[in-house]
């Protein structure tokens, strides 16, 4: 994370916490063809952004207000994707892939986080 500038729209309130209280919400991924993640919510129903440096991946997501709908897109090297709070999603790498991902909580999604099953606790603990 120190090697890149986080777009201001993805600034997280968690970054304001002292380092020893800040959750680990940044990940550097290296994955082979066919790797990825099964359907999941992001931690505490937060939002996330993902930047691919090398490779390609496909995404499939389910909007929270349309549980029978599916939204799909491809992500290539140089593309940045944002997954909104509360969207269930999965990812499949179509090439050896190097990516960075980070979750965030801010004014854009705090209501969704607080409404989630563990939402109040994530902010109260801090």
N, C-alpha and C. Protein backbone atom coordinates (compact mmCIF):
# COMPACT_ATOMS: atom_id res chain seq x y z
N UNK A 1 0.83 -1.20 0.00
CA UNK A 1 0.00 0.00 0.00
C UNK A 1 0.86 1.25 0.00
N UNK A 2 2.03 1.18 0.61
CA UNK A 2 2.91 2.35 0.64
C UNK A 2 3.45 2.70 -0.73
N UNK A 3 3.38 1.79 -1.68
CA UNK A 3 3.91 2.02 -3.02
C UNK A 3 2.90 2.63 -3.98
N UNK A 4 1.66 2.79 -3.54
CA UNK A 4 0.65 3.33 -4.43
C UNK A 4 -0.20 4.37 -3.70
N UNK A 5 -0.79 5.25 -4.47
CA UNK A 5 -1.66 6.28 -3.91
C UNK A 5 -3.10 5.78 -4.00
N UNK A 6 -3.76 5.67 -2.86
CA UNK A 6 -5.15 5.22 -2.83
C UNK A 6 -6.03 6.35 -3.35
N UNK A 7 -6.89 6.07 -4.32
CA UNK A 7 -7.80 7.12 -4.80
C UNK A 7 -8.61 7.68 -3.64
N UNK A 8 -8.76 9.00 -3.55
CA UNK A 8 -9.46 9.61 -2.41
C UNK A 8 -10.87 9.07 -2.17
N UNK A 9 -11.57 8.67 -3.22
CA UNK A 9 -12.92 8.14 -3.04
C UNK A 9 -12.93 6.85 -2.21
N UNK A 10 -11.80 6.16 -2.14
CA UNK A 10 -11.69 4.92 -1.38
C UNK A 10 -11.05 5.11 0.00
N UNK A 11 -10.86 6.35 0.42
CA UNK A 11 -10.26 6.60 1.73
C UNK A 11 -11.13 5.95 2.81
N UNK A 12 -10.48 5.29 3.74
CA UNK A 12 -11.20 4.56 4.78
C UNK A 12 -11.06 5.25 6.13
N UNK A 13 -12.17 5.32 6.84
CA UNK A 13 -12.12 5.86 8.19
C UNK A 13 -11.23 5.02 9.09
N UNK A 14 -11.04 3.76 8.75
CA UNK A 14 -10.18 2.89 9.57
C UNK A 14 -8.73 3.37 9.55
N UNK A 15 -8.33 4.11 8.51
CA UNK A 15 -6.96 4.62 8.42
C UNK A 15 -6.68 5.67 9.49
N UNK A 16 -7.72 6.22 10.10
CA UNK A 16 -7.55 7.23 11.14
C UNK A 16 -7.20 6.62 12.49
N UNK A 17 -7.36 5.32 12.60
CA UNK A 17 -7.08 4.64 13.87
C UNK A 17 -5.58 4.48 14.08
N UNK A 18 -5.14 4.40 15.34
CA UNK A 18 -3.74 4.07 15.60
C UNK A 18 -3.40 2.71 14.96
N UNK A 19 -2.19 2.56 14.53
CA UNK A 19 -1.77 1.35 13.80
C UNK A 19 -2.12 0.06 14.54
N UNK A 20 -2.00 0.04 15.88
CA UNK A 20 -2.27 -1.20 16.62
C UNK A 20 -3.76 -1.54 16.70
N UNK A 21 -4.64 -0.60 16.35
CA UNK A 21 -6.08 -0.87 16.35
C UNK A 21 -6.64 -1.03 14.93
N UNK A 22 -5.86 -0.70 13.94
CA UNK A 22 -6.33 -0.72 12.55
C UNK A 22 -6.42 -2.16 12.04
N UNK A 23 -7.57 -2.52 11.46
CA UNK A 23 -7.68 -3.89 10.92
C UNK A 23 -6.81 -4.07 9.68
N UNK A 24 -6.43 -5.31 9.42
CA UNK A 24 -5.70 -5.63 8.19
C UNK A 24 -6.72 -5.76 7.07
N UNK A 25 -6.87 -4.73 6.27
CA UNK A 25 -7.86 -4.73 5.19
C UNK A 25 -7.21 -4.48 3.84
N UNK A 26 -5.91 -4.73 3.74
CA UNK A 26 -5.19 -4.59 2.48
C UNK A 26 -4.54 -5.92 2.16
N UNK A 27 -4.67 -6.35 0.88
CA UNK A 27 -4.14 -7.64 0.48
C UNK A 27 -3.45 -7.55 -0.86
N UNK A 28 -2.33 -8.22 -0.96
CA UNK A 28 -1.59 -8.37 -2.21
C UNK A 28 -1.80 -9.81 -2.66
N UNK A 29 -2.37 -10.00 -3.84
CA UNK A 29 -2.71 -11.34 -4.33
C UNK A 29 -1.84 -11.73 -5.51
N UNK A 30 -1.39 -12.96 -5.50
CA UNK A 30 -0.73 -13.59 -6.65
C UNK A 30 -1.43 -14.93 -6.83
N UNK A 31 -2.03 -15.14 -8.01
CA UNK A 31 -2.80 -16.37 -8.21
C UNK A 31 -2.63 -16.94 -9.60
N UNK A 32 -2.64 -18.27 -9.72
CA UNK A 32 -2.53 -18.92 -11.02
C UNK A 32 -3.87 -18.94 -11.76
N UNK A 33 -3.83 -19.36 -12.99
CA UNK A 33 -5.05 -19.54 -13.78
C UNK A 33 -6.01 -20.43 -13.01
N UNK A 34 -7.28 -20.04 -12.97
CA UNK A 34 -8.31 -20.85 -12.31
C UNK A 34 -8.49 -20.57 -10.83
N UNK A 35 -7.55 -19.84 -10.22
CA UNK A 35 -7.72 -19.51 -8.81
C UNK A 35 -8.71 -18.35 -8.67
N UNK A 36 -9.10 -18.07 -7.45
CA UNK A 36 -10.04 -16.98 -7.21
C UNK A 36 -10.71 -17.13 -5.87
N UNK A 37 -11.92 -16.59 -5.78
CA UNK A 37 -12.67 -16.67 -4.53
C UNK A 37 -14.09 -17.14 -4.83
N UNK A 38 -14.68 -17.91 -3.92
CA UNK A 38 -16.09 -18.28 -4.08
C UNK A 38 -16.97 -17.08 -3.71
N UNK A 39 -18.28 -17.21 -3.91
CA UNK A 39 -19.19 -16.14 -3.52
C UNK A 39 -18.99 -15.76 -2.06
N UNK A 40 -18.94 -14.46 -1.80
CA UNK A 40 -18.77 -13.98 -0.43
C UNK A 40 -19.17 -12.50 -0.34
N UNK A 41 -19.45 -12.06 0.88
CA UNK A 41 -19.54 -10.63 1.20
C UNK A 41 -18.16 -10.22 1.66
N UNK A 42 -17.80 -8.96 1.45
CA UNK A 42 -16.56 -8.48 2.04
C UNK A 42 -16.76 -8.27 3.54
N UNK A 43 -15.67 -8.30 4.26
CA UNK A 43 -15.71 -8.24 5.71
C UNK A 43 -16.56 -7.08 6.21
N UNK A 44 -17.43 -7.35 7.14
CA UNK A 44 -18.32 -6.38 7.76
C UNK A 44 -19.20 -5.65 6.74
N UNK A 45 -19.42 -6.25 5.58
CA UNK A 45 -20.22 -5.67 4.49
C UNK A 45 -19.60 -4.36 3.98
N UNK A 46 -18.28 -4.23 4.16
CA UNK A 46 -17.58 -3.04 3.67
C UNK A 46 -17.51 -3.07 2.15
N UNK A 47 -17.07 -1.96 1.58
CA UNK A 47 -16.79 -1.90 0.15
C UNK A 47 -15.34 -2.29 -0.08
N UNK A 48 -15.00 -2.59 -1.32
CA UNK A 48 -13.62 -2.94 -1.64
C UNK A 48 -13.26 -2.43 -3.03
N UNK A 49 -11.97 -2.18 -3.21
CA UNK A 49 -11.47 -1.88 -4.55
C UNK A 49 -10.33 -2.85 -4.84
N UNK A 50 -10.15 -3.12 -6.12
CA UNK A 50 -9.16 -4.12 -6.56
C UNK A 50 -8.46 -3.59 -7.80
N UNK A 51 -7.13 -3.59 -7.77
CA UNK A 51 -6.33 -3.15 -8.92
C UNK A 51 -5.52 -4.34 -9.42
N UNK A 52 -5.63 -4.65 -10.71
CA UNK A 52 -4.85 -5.73 -11.31
C UNK A 52 -3.60 -5.13 -11.98
N UNK A 53 -2.44 -5.66 -11.59
CA UNK A 53 -1.17 -5.21 -12.17
C UNK A 53 -0.75 -6.08 -13.34
N UNK A 54 -1.09 -7.35 -13.24
CA UNK A 54 -0.74 -8.33 -14.29
C UNK A 54 -1.82 -9.38 -14.30
N UNK A 55 -2.21 -9.83 -15.51
CA UNK A 55 -3.18 -10.90 -15.60
C UNK A 55 -4.57 -10.40 -15.95
N UNK A 56 -5.56 -11.25 -15.68
CA UNK A 56 -6.96 -10.94 -15.98
C UNK A 56 -7.85 -11.78 -15.09
N UNK A 57 -8.98 -11.21 -14.72
CA UNK A 57 -9.94 -11.94 -13.89
C UNK A 57 -11.35 -11.56 -14.30
N UNK A 58 -12.28 -12.46 -14.01
CA UNK A 58 -13.69 -12.16 -14.23
C UNK A 58 -14.37 -12.10 -12.87
N UNK A 59 -15.39 -11.26 -12.81
CA UNK A 59 -16.16 -11.05 -11.60
C UNK A 59 -17.61 -11.38 -11.89
N UNK A 60 -18.29 -11.89 -10.90
CA UNK A 60 -19.73 -12.05 -10.94
C UNK A 60 -20.25 -11.58 -9.60
N UNK A 61 -21.28 -10.72 -9.62
CA UNK A 61 -21.79 -10.13 -8.38
C UNK A 61 -23.31 -10.16 -8.36
N UNK A 62 -23.83 -10.14 -7.15
CA UNK A 62 -25.28 -10.14 -6.93
C UNK A 62 -25.62 -8.88 -6.14
N UNK A 63 -26.37 -7.96 -6.73
CA UNK A 63 -26.75 -6.74 -6.00
C UNK A 63 -27.66 -7.07 -4.82
N UNK A 64 -27.52 -6.33 -3.72
CA UNK A 64 -28.33 -6.63 -2.54
C UNK A 64 -29.83 -6.40 -2.75
N UNK A 65 -30.18 -5.52 -3.68
CA UNK A 65 -31.59 -5.23 -3.90
C UNK A 65 -32.21 -6.06 -5.03
N UNK A 66 -31.43 -6.99 -5.60
CA UNK A 66 -31.94 -7.86 -6.69
C UNK A 66 -31.27 -9.23 -6.57
N UNK A 67 -31.65 -10.02 -5.55
CA UNK A 67 -30.95 -11.28 -5.28
C UNK A 67 -31.01 -12.31 -6.40
N UNK A 68 -31.91 -12.16 -7.37
CA UNK A 68 -31.96 -13.09 -8.49
C UNK A 68 -31.16 -12.59 -9.69
N UNK A 69 -30.58 -11.42 -9.59
CA UNK A 69 -29.82 -10.85 -10.71
C UNK A 69 -28.34 -11.21 -10.58
N UNK A 70 -27.66 -11.20 -11.69
CA UNK A 70 -26.21 -11.41 -11.73
C UNK A 70 -25.61 -10.32 -12.62
N UNK A 71 -24.53 -9.72 -12.13
CA UNK A 71 -23.79 -8.73 -12.90
C UNK A 71 -22.40 -9.31 -13.11
N UNK A 72 -21.92 -9.30 -14.35
CA UNK A 72 -20.60 -9.88 -14.63
C UNK A 72 -19.75 -8.88 -15.39
N UNK A 73 -18.46 -8.92 -15.15
CA UNK A 73 -17.52 -8.09 -15.89
C UNK A 73 -16.14 -8.72 -15.87
N UNK A 74 -15.28 -8.25 -16.78
CA UNK A 74 -13.89 -8.71 -16.86
C UNK A 74 -12.98 -7.59 -16.37
N UNK A 75 -11.86 -7.97 -15.80
CA UNK A 75 -10.87 -6.99 -15.34
C UNK A 75 -9.51 -7.40 -15.89
N UNK A 76 -8.82 -6.47 -16.53
CA UNK A 76 -7.50 -6.73 -17.12
C UNK A 76 -6.45 -5.90 -16.39
N UNK A 77 -5.19 -6.15 -16.69
CA UNK A 77 -4.10 -5.38 -16.09
C UNK A 77 -4.33 -3.89 -16.34
N UNK A 78 -4.19 -3.11 -15.27
CA UNK A 78 -4.40 -1.67 -15.35
C UNK A 78 -5.79 -1.24 -14.97
N UNK A 79 -6.73 -2.18 -14.85
CA UNK A 79 -8.10 -1.85 -14.47
C UNK A 79 -8.27 -1.85 -12.96
N UNK A 80 -9.10 -0.95 -12.48
CA UNK A 80 -9.44 -0.88 -11.08
C UNK A 80 -10.95 -1.10 -10.97
N UNK A 81 -11.35 -2.00 -10.06
CA UNK A 81 -12.76 -2.36 -9.86
C UNK A 81 -13.15 -2.01 -8.43
N UNK A 82 -14.37 -1.54 -8.25
CA UNK A 82 -14.92 -1.31 -6.91
C UNK A 82 -16.14 -2.20 -6.73
N UNK A 83 -16.19 -2.89 -5.60
CA UNK A 83 -17.35 -3.70 -5.25
C UNK A 83 -18.08 -2.98 -4.12
N UNK A 84 -19.31 -2.55 -4.36
CA UNK A 84 -20.05 -1.81 -3.32
C UNK A 84 -20.39 -2.67 -2.11
N UNK A 85 -20.63 -2.02 -1.01
CA UNK A 85 -21.03 -2.69 0.23
C UNK A 85 -22.25 -3.57 0.00
N UNK A 86 -22.21 -4.75 0.60
CA UNK A 86 -23.36 -5.64 0.58
C UNK A 86 -23.54 -6.46 -0.68
N UNK A 87 -22.68 -6.30 -1.68
CA UNK A 87 -22.77 -7.10 -2.90
C UNK A 87 -22.03 -8.42 -2.69
N UNK A 88 -22.72 -9.53 -2.89
CA UNK A 88 -22.08 -10.84 -2.87
C UNK A 88 -21.35 -10.98 -4.21
N UNK A 89 -20.13 -11.51 -4.19
CA UNK A 89 -19.37 -11.60 -5.44
C UNK A 89 -18.37 -12.75 -5.40
N UNK A 90 -17.93 -13.12 -6.60
CA UNK A 90 -16.88 -14.13 -6.73
C UNK A 90 -15.94 -13.68 -7.85
N UNK A 91 -14.73 -14.26 -7.85
CA UNK A 91 -13.70 -13.87 -8.80
C UNK A 91 -12.99 -15.12 -9.29
N UNK A 92 -12.66 -15.13 -10.59
CA UNK A 92 -11.87 -16.22 -11.18
C UNK A 92 -10.75 -15.60 -12.00
N UNK A 93 -9.51 -16.04 -11.76
CA UNK A 93 -8.36 -15.56 -12.53
C UNK A 93 -8.27 -16.34 -13.84
N UNK A 94 -8.16 -15.61 -14.96
CA UNK A 94 -8.07 -16.24 -16.28
C UNK A 94 -6.66 -16.29 -16.81
N UNK A 95 -5.73 -15.77 -16.05
CA UNK A 95 -4.31 -15.78 -16.36
C UNK A 95 -3.58 -15.69 -15.03
N UNK A 96 -2.29 -16.00 -14.98
CA UNK A 96 -1.57 -15.73 -13.74
C UNK A 96 -1.76 -14.24 -13.40
N UNK A 97 -2.20 -13.96 -12.19
CA UNK A 97 -2.64 -12.60 -11.86
C UNK A 97 -1.96 -12.08 -10.61
N UNK A 98 -1.59 -10.79 -10.68
CA UNK A 98 -1.04 -10.05 -9.54
C UNK A 98 -1.97 -8.87 -9.31
N UNK A 99 -2.49 -8.74 -8.09
CA UNK A 99 -3.46 -7.69 -7.81
C UNK A 99 -3.31 -7.21 -6.37
N UNK A 100 -3.85 -6.04 -6.12
CA UNK A 100 -3.91 -5.46 -4.78
C UNK A 100 -5.36 -5.12 -4.50
N UNK A 101 -5.81 -5.41 -3.28
CA UNK A 101 -7.20 -5.15 -2.92
C UNK A 101 -7.25 -4.55 -1.53
N UNK A 102 -8.25 -3.70 -1.32
CA UNK A 102 -8.38 -3.09 0.00
C UNK A 102 -9.86 -2.83 0.29
N UNK A 103 -10.27 -3.09 1.51
CA UNK A 103 -11.63 -2.79 1.95
C UNK A 103 -11.64 -1.40 2.59
N UNK A 104 -12.83 -0.80 2.61
CA UNK A 104 -12.93 0.52 3.22
C UNK A 104 -14.32 0.77 3.77
N UNK A 105 -14.35 1.61 4.81
CA UNK A 105 -15.60 2.13 5.38
C UNK A 105 -15.46 3.64 5.39
N UNK A 106 -16.45 4.32 4.82
CA UNK A 106 -16.49 5.78 4.86
C UNK A 106 -17.95 6.23 4.70
N UNK A 107 -18.16 7.50 4.42
CA UNK A 107 -19.53 8.03 4.33
C UNK A 107 -20.35 7.33 3.26
N UNK A 108 -19.69 6.76 2.24
CA UNK A 108 -20.43 6.11 1.15
C UNK A 108 -21.09 4.80 1.55
N UNK A 109 -20.63 4.18 2.63
CA UNK A 109 -21.15 2.85 2.95
C UNK A 109 -21.37 2.59 4.44
N UNK A 110 -21.17 3.56 5.28
CA UNK A 110 -21.28 3.31 6.72
C UNK A 110 -22.67 2.81 7.10
N UNK A 111 -23.72 3.27 6.44
CA UNK A 111 -25.07 2.79 6.77
C UNK A 111 -25.22 1.30 6.50
N UNK A 112 -24.66 0.81 5.40
CA UNK A 112 -24.73 -0.61 5.07
C UNK A 112 -23.92 -1.42 6.08
N UNK A 113 -22.74 -0.93 6.44
CA UNK A 113 -21.90 -1.63 7.41
C UNK A 113 -22.62 -1.73 8.75
N UNK A 114 -23.19 -0.62 9.22
CA UNK A 114 -23.87 -0.62 10.51
C UNK A 114 -25.11 -1.50 10.51
N UNK A 115 -25.76 -1.65 9.37
CA UNK A 115 -26.97 -2.47 9.28
C UNK A 115 -26.66 -3.96 9.19
N UNK A 116 -25.41 -4.32 8.91
CA UNK A 116 -25.03 -5.72 8.77
C UNK A 116 -25.04 -6.45 10.09
N UNK A 117 -24.89 -7.78 10.05
CA UNK A 117 -25.00 -8.59 11.26
C UNK A 117 -23.95 -8.27 12.31
N UNK A 118 -22.79 -7.76 11.92
CA UNK A 118 -21.76 -7.43 12.90
C UNK A 118 -21.33 -5.97 12.76
N UNK A 119 -22.11 -5.17 12.11
CA UNK A 119 -21.74 -3.80 11.77
C UNK A 119 -21.45 -2.90 12.95
N UNK A 120 -22.33 -2.86 13.92
CA UNK A 120 -22.11 -1.97 15.05
C UNK A 120 -20.84 -2.34 15.80
N UNK A 121 -20.55 -3.62 15.89
CA UNK A 121 -19.36 -4.05 16.63
C UNK A 121 -18.08 -3.59 15.97
N UNK A 122 -18.02 -3.58 14.64
CA UNK A 122 -16.77 -3.22 13.98
C UNK A 122 -16.37 -1.79 14.31
N UNK A 123 -17.33 -0.90 14.45
CA UNK A 123 -17.01 0.48 14.80
C UNK A 123 -16.88 0.67 16.31
N UNK A 124 -17.66 -0.04 17.11
CA UNK A 124 -17.59 0.08 18.56
C UNK A 124 -16.26 -0.41 19.09
N UNK A 125 -15.71 -1.50 18.52
CA UNK A 125 -14.46 -2.06 19.01
C UNK A 125 -13.30 -1.09 18.83
N UNK A 126 -13.44 -0.20 17.88
CA UNK A 126 -12.32 0.68 17.55
C UNK A 126 -12.38 1.88 18.43
